[in-house]
Amino acid sequence: MSYYLILDIGTTIVKAFAYSPDGNILKRIERRAPILFPEPGYVEQDPEKLWEMVQDVSLEIFNEFGKPLAVGITNQRASTIVWDKRSGEPLYNMITWQDMRAADIAREYNRKASLRLARGIGKLVSLFIKRSKSKRLVYLLTLADFKFGPNQPIIHLRWLFDNIEDIYKKAAKGELAFGTIDSWIVWKMTGKHVTDYTNASATGIFDPFFMKWSDRLTKMLGIPKSILPELIDNMGFLGEVRFLDNAPLTAVIADQQASLFSAGGLKEGTVKMTNGTGTFIDINVGSIPQPARFGTYPLVALKVGEVVRYLLEGIVQSTGSAVEWLVSIGIIKNPEEASSLAYESESEDIIFIPSLAGLGTPYWDPEAKGLIYGITRGSKREDIVKGLLDGIAVRCAQVINILEDATGISIEEIIADGNASRNDYMLQAIADFSGKKILRVRNLEGTSRGTFLLTKGGLEKHDIRHVHRQPVIDKVFTPQKKRQMTEWQKFIEFVTKK
């Protein structure tokens, strides 16, 4: 049977899809990836076991359907893997994006005089210019708020150099390969040491303004460029997958960027909201990157040939994971129950700040704790569920407002995907708090769908401008009433240190 094999490699789940040439999902397989917690704050995975899982799900589909027309990869960004270039053996467990062991290193580099000077220059420029179509000016504006994050690959790589002697020695000799998940999987599939531009832009080592590995940052942190993968486009002939009868690999793209492409292709102003473990809200800002403002940072949305698109992203840390917490403590039986229970509640009294894994955009406070306020003897479980879903909606509305302010783009509608988007009450609450129309797509697997479109386009050698197909809309959530966030904002400020 003719089909495209699409691999979606997440933090906790590895999925494989068989897509028909007309875009229907013929089969979906998933495996849960084990997470390791060797010490408090450490979050790791075994790279070889992850590769074995990718092989397992791929071969299960291969054995049923035969050789795929082409293979595409999408993956969670910003996890760090290092391996020996000669033997191909991993030299340490993969350090995931959730790992906070390198917080002190990030603080140390953020205090360096050169960065303080750069931030000062950026702030001076921002007094006179807010937006620009000049990449050089946007670069200077971004410096105003530039900071290393404790979970960026560049900081995790510096931790490995400082703490694992053999790794630094191999790096100095040019014997080390560094990469994110896409690099590792493509290496195992094809033997090539590469990464695509979307994944590269999430490493903290990449310069999105001039589309190259940053000379300044690699020099500042002592990262030899010899260990960095070659940069490749998101679509085209990228190699042959040896264990799948040399099927062509024709697309590699980071997960949120794949979802954004599924939502709107190359169209500037497209906004998508992926509701999963957390919520990622991305806006396509066009061919000129926007300066980092209000806790956002410019990332590459897509690069194929001369066509480049950028995005700004805002993140809510706890969405599906917060609903799962209600399941774990016995308030609800399953996530599907949350929406109907919230509709049963008649209370407006409970304020639930869902910072169960810290606060994301714009606060970036990993130590912020969750808060429930307004409980009385008469409070019911449906009131608590409604309070949580409202809290998630408020945080999403905050991020939507921030993206509007940061880009100057008026947002009218938002494409929603991800499994947590099944929750009708939550999507309606987001519409009411934000004042925006929320469009839920029928295929909630936006990351795999966007990757499929690129994989097919790469095989058929289409111009990237003609690859996109609009997603089918399942349901539209129109704002029914304007709900105010003022009271919620007070409690959000209370739980954060910033």
Foldseek 3Di string as FASTA:
>chain_A
DEWEWEWEAEDFKTKIFTAHPVGDTPDMDMDTFDWDDPDVLFIFGALVVSLVRVVVNVVVVCVVPNFYLAYFYAYAAFKKWKDFLPPLHTPDTIGALSRQPLVVVQVVLCPDPVLVVLLVQLVVLCVPDQWDLDLVNLVSVQSVPDGDDSRAQLSVLLVCVVPPVVQVVCQVVLRMAMDISVQSNCCLFFVAREDEQQRVQRRVQADPSVGGGDPVSCVSSVGDPSRYHHYDFQAAFDGFGVVSVRNTHGGYHYQVLLLQCQAPNQDFQAWAWEDAQKIKIKGWHHDGFFHDDQQWHKGWSGDDPPGTIIMIIWIFNGDPVLLVVCCVVPLDVDSVVLQVLLVVDPDPFKAKQSCCQHGTTRQPFRQFHIDIDRDDPPDHSSNVSNNVLLNSLLSLLVVVVVRCVRRVRDHAEYEYAYPSVVRPNSQLSNCQANVHKYWYFPHRSSSSSSRSLRRSCNSVVHDSVPSHDHTHTDDMRGHPHRDYCVVVVVVVVVRGPD
